[in-house]
Amino acid sequence: MTPKRSNQRGLAIVPAFVCLVLVTLFCGVLLKLAASHRALVRSESNKTQVDWLVESGMEKAAAKLLANPDYRGETWELAANEMAGGKPAVVRIVVETLEKDPKHPRVRVEADYPRDDTLRARSSKTRTMELEPVKPGGSS
């Protein structure tokens, strides 16, 4: 008497299906980790970019103040094609002259990158500037 093979044919598909589900779940977890890592790298990149924009704004303010002590600041818009990351940025410079010490204005620079993105990075810095240029050969 020969055993019936029709009942045993379906049994091989169950382990194959379980393996397929496990491999699919594993791939899904890997994709989620990769997306999470990519978002973290993008966030760090934006933070680095915005820190450089703040420093550039400070240098721009210092140069403008040396050329014109009446400079009060500006909003500096950078188009996407001017930025390495391909997204627009904005840098706001505000110069306040203090009555008690007009030779040392306070400069506040704030930058956003990307400019209008909900996930933008923002950084700011405030510094007191010296309006009189340092004389060469002066005391250190």
C-alpha atoms as a PDB file:
ATOM      1  CA  MET A   1       0.000   0.000   0.000  1.00  0.00           C
ATOM      2  CA  THR A   2       1.381   3.406  -1.014  1.00  0.00           C
ATOM      3  CA  PRO A   3       0.943   6.424   1.267  1.00  0.00           C
ATOM      4  CA  LYS A   4      -1.041   9.320  -0.113  1.00  0.00           C
ATOM      5  CA  ARG A   5       1.245  12.113  -1.277  1.00  0.00           C
ATOM      6  CA  SER A   6      -1.429  14.769  -1.777  1.00  0.00           C
ATOM      7  CA  ASN A   7      -1.521  15.613   1.954  1.00  0.00           C
ATOM      8  CA  GLN A   8       2.267  15.971   2.211  1.00  0.00           C
ATOM      9  CA  ARG A   9       2.731  18.326  -0.727  1.00  0.00           C
ATOM     10  CA  GLY A  10       1.220  21.288   1.155  1.00  0.00           C
ATOM     11  CA  LEU A  11       3.457  20.817   4.191  1.00  0.00           C
ATOM     12  CA  ALA A  12       6.589  22.048   2.402  1.00  0.00           C
ATOM     13  CA  ILE A  13       5.049  25.427   1.669  1.00  0.00           C
ATOM     14  CA  VAL A  14       4.527  26.334   5.368  1.00  0.00           C
ATOM     15  CA  PRO A  15       8.264  26.520   6.319  1.00  0.00           C
ATOM     16  CA  ALA A  16       9.025  28.304   3.048  1.00  0.00           C
ATOM     17  CA  PHE A  17       6.310  30.879   3.778  1.00  0.00           C
ATOM     18  CA  VAL A  18       7.566  31.381   7.360  1.00  0.00           C
ATOM     19  CA  CYS A  19      11.126  31.940   6.055  1.00  0.00           C
ATOM     20  CA  LEU A  20       9.822  34.442   3.479  1.00  0.00           C
ATOM     21  CA  VAL A  21       7.943  36.383   6.187  1.00  0.00           C
ATOM     22  CA  LEU A  22      11.045  36.439   8.436  1.00  0.00           C
ATOM     23  CA  VAL A  23      13.289  37.666   5.606  1.00  0.00           C
ATOM     24  CA  THR A  24      10.729  40.347   4.717  1.00  0.00           C
ATOM     25  CA  LEU A  25      10.544  41.546   8.331  1.00  0.00           C
ATOM     26  CA  PHE A  26      14.340  41.618   8.588  1.00  0.00           C
ATOM     27  CA  CYS A  27      14.588  43.685   5.383  1.00  0.00           C
ATOM     28  CA  GLY A  28      11.929  46.071   6.707  1.00  0.00           C
ATOM     29  CA  VAL A  29      13.889  46.611   9.927  1.00  0.00           C
ATOM     30  CA  LEU A  30      17.065  47.277   7.928  1.00  0.00           C
ATOM     31  CA  LEU A  31      15.269  49.815   5.735  1.00  0.00           C
ATOM     32  CA  LYS A  32      13.844  51.594   8.779  1.00  0.00           C
ATOM     33  CA  LEU A  33      17.311  51.759  10.382  1.00  0.00           C
ATOM     34  CA  ALA A  34      18.811  53.127   7.163  1.00  0.00           C
ATOM     35  CA  ALA A  35      16.118  55.820   6.916  1.00  0.00           C
ATOM     36  CA  SER A  36      16.648  56.762  10.551  1.00  0.00           C
ATOM     37  CA  HIS A  37      20.405  56.989  10.058  1.00  0.00           C
ATOM     38  CA  ARG A  38      19.956  59.099   6.919  1.00  0.00           C
ATOM     39  CA  ALA A  39      17.711  61.550   8.810  1.00  0.00           C
ATOM     40  CA  LEU A  40      20.320  61.822  11.571  1.00  0.00           C
ATOM     41  CA  VAL A  41      23.116  62.505   9.079  1.00  0.00           C
ATOM     42  CA  ARG A  42      20.985  65.147   7.307  1.00  0.00           C
ATOM     43  CA  SER A  43      20.225  66.809  10.650  1.00  0.00           C
ATOM     44  CA  GLU A  44      23.919  66.926  11.579  1.00  0.00           C
ATOM     45  CA  SER A  45      24.786  68.289   8.140  1.00  0.00           C
ATOM     46  CA  ASN A  46      22.167  71.049   8.487  1.00  0.00           C
ATOM     47  CA  LYS A  47      23.488  71.922  11.961  1.00  0.00           C
ATOM     48  CA  THR A  48      27.046  72.205  10.668  1.00  0.00           C
ATOM     49  CA  GLN A  49      25.884  74.345   7.731  1.00  0.00           C
ATOM     50  CA  VAL A  50      23.920  76.719   9.974  1.00  0.00           C
ATOM     51  CA  ASP A  51      26.909  77.100  12.336  1.00  0.00           C
ATOM     52  CA  TRP A  52      29.070  78.145   9.368  1.00  0.00           C
ATOM     53  CA  LEU A  53      26.385  80.592   8.241  1.00  0.00           C
ATOM     54  CA  VAL A  54      26.375  82.243  11.682  1.00  0.00           C
ATOM     55  CA  GLU A  55      30.168  82.603  11.573  1.00  0.00           C
ATOM     56  CA  SER A  56      29.948  84.075   8.069  1.00  0.00           C
ATOM     57  CA  GLY A  57      27.302  86.516   9.278  1.00  0.00           C
ATOM     58  CA  MET A  58      29.579  87.597  12.132  1.00  0.00           C
ATOM     59  CA  GLU A  59      32.458  88.202   9.723  1.00  0.00           C
ATOM     60  CA  LYS A  60      30.193  90.099   7.342  1.00  0.00           C
ATOM     61  CA  ALA A  61      28.933  92.283  10.201  1.00  0.00           C
ATOM     62  CA  ALA A  62      32.495  92.990  11.378  1.00  0.00           C
ATOM     63  CA  ALA A  63      33.591  94.015   7.865  1.00  0.00           C
ATOM     64  CA  LYS A  64      30.542  96.249   7.377  1.00  0.00           C
ATOM     65  CA  LEU A  65      31.023  97.872  10.800  1.00  0.00           C
ATOM     66  CA  LEU A  66      34.663  98.664  10.058  1.00  0.00           C
ATOM     67  CA  ALA A  67      33.627 100.252   6.758  1.00  0.00           C
ATOM     68  CA  ASN A  68      30.604 102.057   8.211  1.00  0.00           C
ATOM     69  CA  PRO A  69      30.107 102.447  11.993  1.00  0.00           C
ATOM     70  CA  ASP A  70      26.430 103.320  11.342  1.00  0.00           C
ATOM     71  CA  TYR A  71      25.682  99.846   9.938  1.00  0.00           C
ATOM     72  CA  ARG A  72      22.627  98.405  11.751  1.00  0.00           C
ATOM     73  CA  GLY A  73      22.325  94.992  10.154  1.00  0.00           C
ATOM     74  CA  GLU A  74      20.497  93.245   7.359  1.00  0.00           C
ATOM     75  CA  THR A  75      18.743  90.083   6.296  1.00  0.00           C
ATOM     76  CA  TRP A  76      20.996  88.067   4.033  1.00  0.00           C
ATOM     77  CA  GLU A  77      19.070  85.659   1.782  1.00  0.00           C
ATOM     78  CA  LEU A  78      21.041  82.880   0.123  1.00  0.00           C
ATOM     79  CA  ALA A  79      19.471  81.110  -2.856  1.00  0.00           C
ATOM     80  CA  ALA A  80      19.560  77.335  -3.197  1.00  0.00           C
ATOM     81  CA  ASN A  81      22.143  77.521  -5.996  1.00  0.00           C
ATOM     82  CA  GLU A  82      24.503  79.461  -3.670  1.00  0.00           C
ATOM     83  CA  MET A  83      24.425  76.740  -1.017  1.00  0.00           C
ATOM     84  CA  ALA A  84      26.358  73.471  -1.135  1.00  0.00           C
ATOM     85  CA  GLY A  85      23.303  71.557   0.115  1.00  0.00           C
ATOM     86  CA  GLY A  86      21.093  72.947  -2.639  1.00  0.00           C
ATOM     87  CA  LYS A  87      18.580  74.534  -0.253  1.00  0.00           C
ATOM     88  CA  PRO A  88      18.029  78.236   0.485  1.00  0.00           C
ATOM     89  CA  ALA A  89      19.177  79.836   3.739  1.00  0.00           C
ATOM     90  CA  VAL A  90      18.646  83.095   5.593  1.00  0.00           C
ATOM     91  CA  VAL A  91      20.993  84.973   7.910  1.00  0.00           C
ATOM     92  CA  ARG A  92      19.705  87.862  10.028  1.00  0.00           C
ATOM     93  CA  ILE A  93      22.215  90.383  11.378  1.00  0.00           C
ATOM     94  CA  VAL A  94      21.190  92.920  14.037  1.00  0.00           C
ATOM     95  CA  VAL A  95      23.622  95.547  15.350  1.00  0.00           C
ATOM     96  CA  GLU A  96      22.805  97.436  18.548  1.00  0.00           C
ATOM     97  CA  THR A  97      24.861 100.400  19.697  1.00  0.00           C
ATOM     98  CA  LEU A  98      24.882 100.740  23.448  1.00  0.00           C
ATOM     99  CA  GLU A  99      24.687 104.310  24.787  1.00  0.00           C
ATOM    100  CA  LYS A 100      27.235 103.651  27.506  1.00  0.00           C
ATOM    101  CA  ASP A 101      29.803 102.214  25.073  1.00  0.00           C
ATOM    102  CA  PRO A 102      29.205 103.259  21.426  1.00  0.00           C
ATOM    103  CA  LYS A 103      32.643 101.958  20.326  1.00  0.00           C
ATOM    104  CA  HIS A 104      31.599  98.382  21.152  1.00  0.00           C
ATOM    105  CA  PRO A 105      28.327  97.555  19.381  1.00  0.00           C
ATOM    106  CA  ARG A 106      26.562  94.288  20.136  1.00  0.00           C
ATOM    107  CA  VAL A 107      26.034  92.079  17.083  1.00  0.00           C
ATOM    108  CA  ARG A 108      23.475  89.286  17.019  1.00  0.00           C
ATOM    109  CA  VAL A 109      23.440  86.861  14.099  1.00  0.00           C
ATOM    110  CA  GLU A 110      20.758  84.211  13.582  1.00  0.00           C
ATOM    111  CA  ALA A 111      20.706  81.721  10.702  1.00  0.00           C
ATOM    112  CA  ASP A 112      18.178  79.198   9.402  1.00  0.00           C
ATOM    113  CA  TYR A 113      19.036  76.348   7.049  1.00  0.00           C
ATOM    114  CA  PRO A 114      17.063  75.292   5.069  1.00  0.00           C
ATOM    115  CA  ARG A 115      15.182  78.588   5.171  1.00  0.00           C
ATOM    116  CA  ASP A 116      11.528  77.500   5.184  1.00  0.00           C
ATOM    117  CA  ASP A 117      11.769  73.810   6.064  1.00  0.00           C
ATOM    118  CA  THR A 118       9.922  72.579   9.155  1.00  0.00           C
ATOM    119  CA  LEU A 119      12.994  70.478   9.985  1.00  0.00           C
ATOM    120  CA  ARG A 120      15.405  73.394   9.624  1.00  0.00           C
ATOM    121  CA  ALA A 121      18.420  73.970  11.811  1.00  0.00           C
ATOM    122  CA  ARG A 122      18.673  77.331  13.587  1.00  0.00           C
ATOM    123  CA  SER A 123      21.651  78.829  15.326  1.00  0.00           C
ATOM    124  CA  SER A 124      22.470  82.231  16.747  1.00  0.00           C
ATOM    125  CA  LYS A 125      25.377  84.030  18.316  1.00  0.00           C
ATOM    126  CA  THR A 126      25.811  87.391  20.035  1.00  0.00           C
ATOM    127  CA  ARG A 127      29.151  89.116  20.223  1.00  0.00           C
ATOM    128  CA  THR A 128      30.452  92.562  21.173  1.00  0.00           C
ATOM    129  CA  MET A 129      32.575  94.065  18.403  1.00  0.00           C
ATOM    130  CA  GLU A 130      35.513  96.458  18.560  1.00  0.00           C
ATOM    131  CA  LEU A 131      35.033  99.326  16.070  1.00  0.00           C
ATOM    132  CA  GLU A 132      38.600 100.575  16.126  1.00  0.00           C
ATOM    133  CA  PRO A 133      40.906  98.423  13.995  1.00  0.00           C
ATOM    134  CA  VAL A 134      43.888  96.875  15.746  1.00  0.00           C
ATOM    135  CA  LYS A 135      47.039  98.829  14.917  1.00  0.00           C
ATOM    136  CA  PRO A 136      49.961  96.788  13.575  1.00  0.00           C
ATOM    137  CA  GLY A 137      52.889  96.607  15.952  1.00  0.00           C
ATOM    138  CA  GLY A 138      50.695  97.538  18.904  1.00  0.00           C
ATOM    139  CA  SER A 139      51.013  95.968  22.320  1.00  0.00           C
ATOM    140  CA  SER A 140      49.768  92.406  22.685  1.00  0.00           C
END
